[in-house]
Amino acid sequence: MAYHNELGKIGEKLAAEYLINKGYEILAQNFYFDKAEIDIIAKKDNNTLVVVEVKTRNSDFFGDPQVFVTPSKIKLLVKAANEYVISNDLDTEVRFDIIAVIKNKTIEKMEHFENAFYHF
């Protein structure tokens, strides 16, 4: 597996552990629909489904990880989230979060952006 893929898996694992420690229930990881993938689908306390995109980088030299969530990625996330809701016959609000991870030999930093973007 390429280094960037391994780094991404590490970031997703750290993000899932973070969410669990914050009281979230992980419902699914790496949910695929068509060309879209949702890294983590979770729920916390209420009837809100939380779709989490995890962006992991080894530095912020080229920008913070969250800025790499592009409009086309958002469109795919919304499409996959819609499929998850329909296929599981859910009647729920959906929130889109981003967890940005910077991880290398000396740094492990994570930021959680709730309601990172809105869908229409």
Protein backbone atom coordinates (compact mmCIF):
# COMPACT_ATOMS: atom_id res chain seq x y z
CA MET A 1 0.00 0.00 0.00
CA ALA A 2 1.28 3.46 -0.87
CA TYR A 3 2.40 5.71 1.99
CA HIS A 4 -0.42 8.23 1.44
CA ASN A 5 -2.98 5.41 1.67
CA GLU A 6 -1.42 4.15 4.91
CA LEU A 7 -1.41 7.69 6.30
CA GLY A 8 -5.09 8.05 5.37
CA LYS A 9 -5.98 4.83 7.20
CA ILE A 10 -4.05 5.99 10.26
CA GLY A 11 -5.95 9.30 10.18
CA GLU A 12 -9.30 7.52 9.90
CA LYS A 13 -8.43 5.27 12.85
CA LEU A 14 -7.43 8.28 14.97
CA ALA A 15 -10.62 10.13 13.96
CA ALA A 16 -12.82 7.14 14.86
CA GLU A 17 -11.14 6.82 18.26
CA TYR A 18 -11.59 10.55 18.82
CA LEU A 19 -15.31 10.37 17.98
CA ILE A 20 -15.86 7.36 20.23
CA ASN A 21 -14.13 9.19 23.10
CA LYS A 22 -16.48 12.16 22.47
CA GLY A 23 -19.53 9.92 22.82
CA TYR A 24 -20.31 9.24 19.18
CA GLU A 25 -21.53 5.84 18.01
CA ILE A 26 -19.79 4.71 14.82
CA LEU A 27 -22.42 3.27 12.47
CA ALA A 28 -20.21 2.65 9.42
CA GLN A 29 -16.72 3.21 8.11
CA ASN A 30 -15.64 3.42 4.49
CA PHE A 31 -19.19 3.38 3.12
CA TYR A 32 -19.07 3.27 -0.67
CA PHE A 33 -21.73 4.26 -3.16
CA ASP A 34 -20.98 4.65 -6.83
CA LYS A 35 -17.74 6.72 -6.95
CA ALA A 36 -18.24 8.16 -3.48
CA GLU A 37 -16.82 7.07 -0.15
CA ILE A 38 -17.80 8.26 3.30
CA ASP A 39 -14.98 7.77 5.78
CA ILE A 40 -17.13 7.62 8.92
CA ILE A 41 -20.87 7.67 9.57
CA ALA A 42 -21.72 8.29 13.21
CA LYS A 43 -24.49 9.32 15.56
CA LYS A 44 -24.45 11.17 18.87
CA ASP A 45 -27.23 11.51 21.42
CA ASN A 46 -29.90 12.76 19.06
CA ASN A 47 -31.47 11.88 15.76
CA THR A 48 -28.69 13.47 13.70
CA LEU A 49 -26.60 11.37 11.36
CA VAL A 50 -23.04 12.69 11.22
CA VAL A 51 -21.14 12.15 7.97
CA VAL A 52 -17.42 12.64 8.58
CA GLU A 53 -14.77 13.29 5.96
CA VAL A 54 -11.29 12.67 7.36
CA LYS A 55 -8.41 14.52 5.71
CA THR A 56 -4.93 13.48 6.80
CA ARG A 57 -1.65 15.09 5.81
CA ASN A 58 1.88 14.78 7.15
CA SER A 59 2.27 18.57 7.27
CA ASP A 60 0.38 21.75 6.56
CA PHE A 61 3.04 23.01 4.13
CA PHE A 62 0.57 23.02 1.21
CA GLY A 63 -2.38 24.11 3.36
CA ASP A 64 -4.55 22.81 6.15
CA PRO A 65 -6.04 19.37 5.46
CA GLN A 66 -9.65 20.61 5.50
CA VAL A 67 -9.08 22.90 2.50
CA PHE A 68 -8.65 19.80 0.34
CA VAL A 69 -12.36 18.96 0.65
CA THR A 70 -13.35 20.22 -2.78
CA PRO A 71 -16.82 21.08 -4.11
CA SER A 72 -16.76 17.89 -6.21
CA LYS A 73 -15.91 15.85 -3.08
CA ILE A 74 -18.77 17.52 -1.22
CA LYS A 75 -21.15 16.60 -4.04
CA LEU A 76 -20.05 12.95 -3.82
CA LEU A 77 -20.39 12.92 -0.03
CA VAL A 78 -23.93 14.28 -0.25
CA LYS A 79 -24.81 11.66 -2.88
CA ALA A 80 -23.43 8.82 -0.73
CA ALA A 81 -25.10 10.15 2.43
CA ASN A 82 -28.42 10.31 0.61
CA GLU A 83 -28.00 6.68 -0.46
CA TYR A 84 -27.14 5.62 3.11
CA VAL A 85 -30.26 7.33 4.47
CA ILE A 86 -32.51 5.83 1.79
CA SER A 87 -31.06 2.31 1.90
CA ASN A 88 -31.35 2.22 5.71
CA ASP A 89 -34.85 3.76 5.66
CA LEU A 90 -33.82 6.54 8.05
CA ASP A 91 -35.80 9.64 8.94
CA THR A 92 -33.06 11.86 10.26
CA GLU A 93 -31.18 15.11 9.93
CA VAL A 94 -27.74 14.84 8.36
CA ARG A 95 -24.72 16.86 9.42
CA PHE A 96 -21.43 16.99 7.52
CA ASP A 97 -18.23 17.26 9.55
CA ILE A 98 -14.56 17.29 8.63
CA ILE A 99 -11.81 15.95 10.85
CA ALA A 100 -8.43 17.32 9.81
CA VAL A 101 -5.41 15.31 10.94
CA ILE A 102 -1.74 16.22 10.71
CA LYS A 103 0.42 13.23 11.62
CA ASN A 104 4.13 12.66 11.27
CA LYS A 105 7.00 11.52 13.49
CA THR A 106 6.86 14.61 15.68
CA ILE A 107 3.31 15.98 15.34
CA GLU A 108 -0.14 14.50 15.89
CA LYS A 109 -2.77 17.22 15.60
CA MET A 110 -6.49 16.87 15.02
CA GLU A 111 -9.27 19.43 14.46
CA HIS A 112 -12.97 18.62 14.30
CA PHE A 113 -15.12 20.96 12.19
CA GLU A 114 -18.80 20.38 12.92
CA ASN A 115 -21.25 21.51 10.24
CA ALA A 116 -18.26 22.00 7.95
CA PHE A 117 -20.48 22.53 4.93
CA TYR A 118 -24.14 22.60 3.99
CA HIS A 119 -25.85 20.70 1.25
CA PHE A 120 -28.84 21.74 -0.83
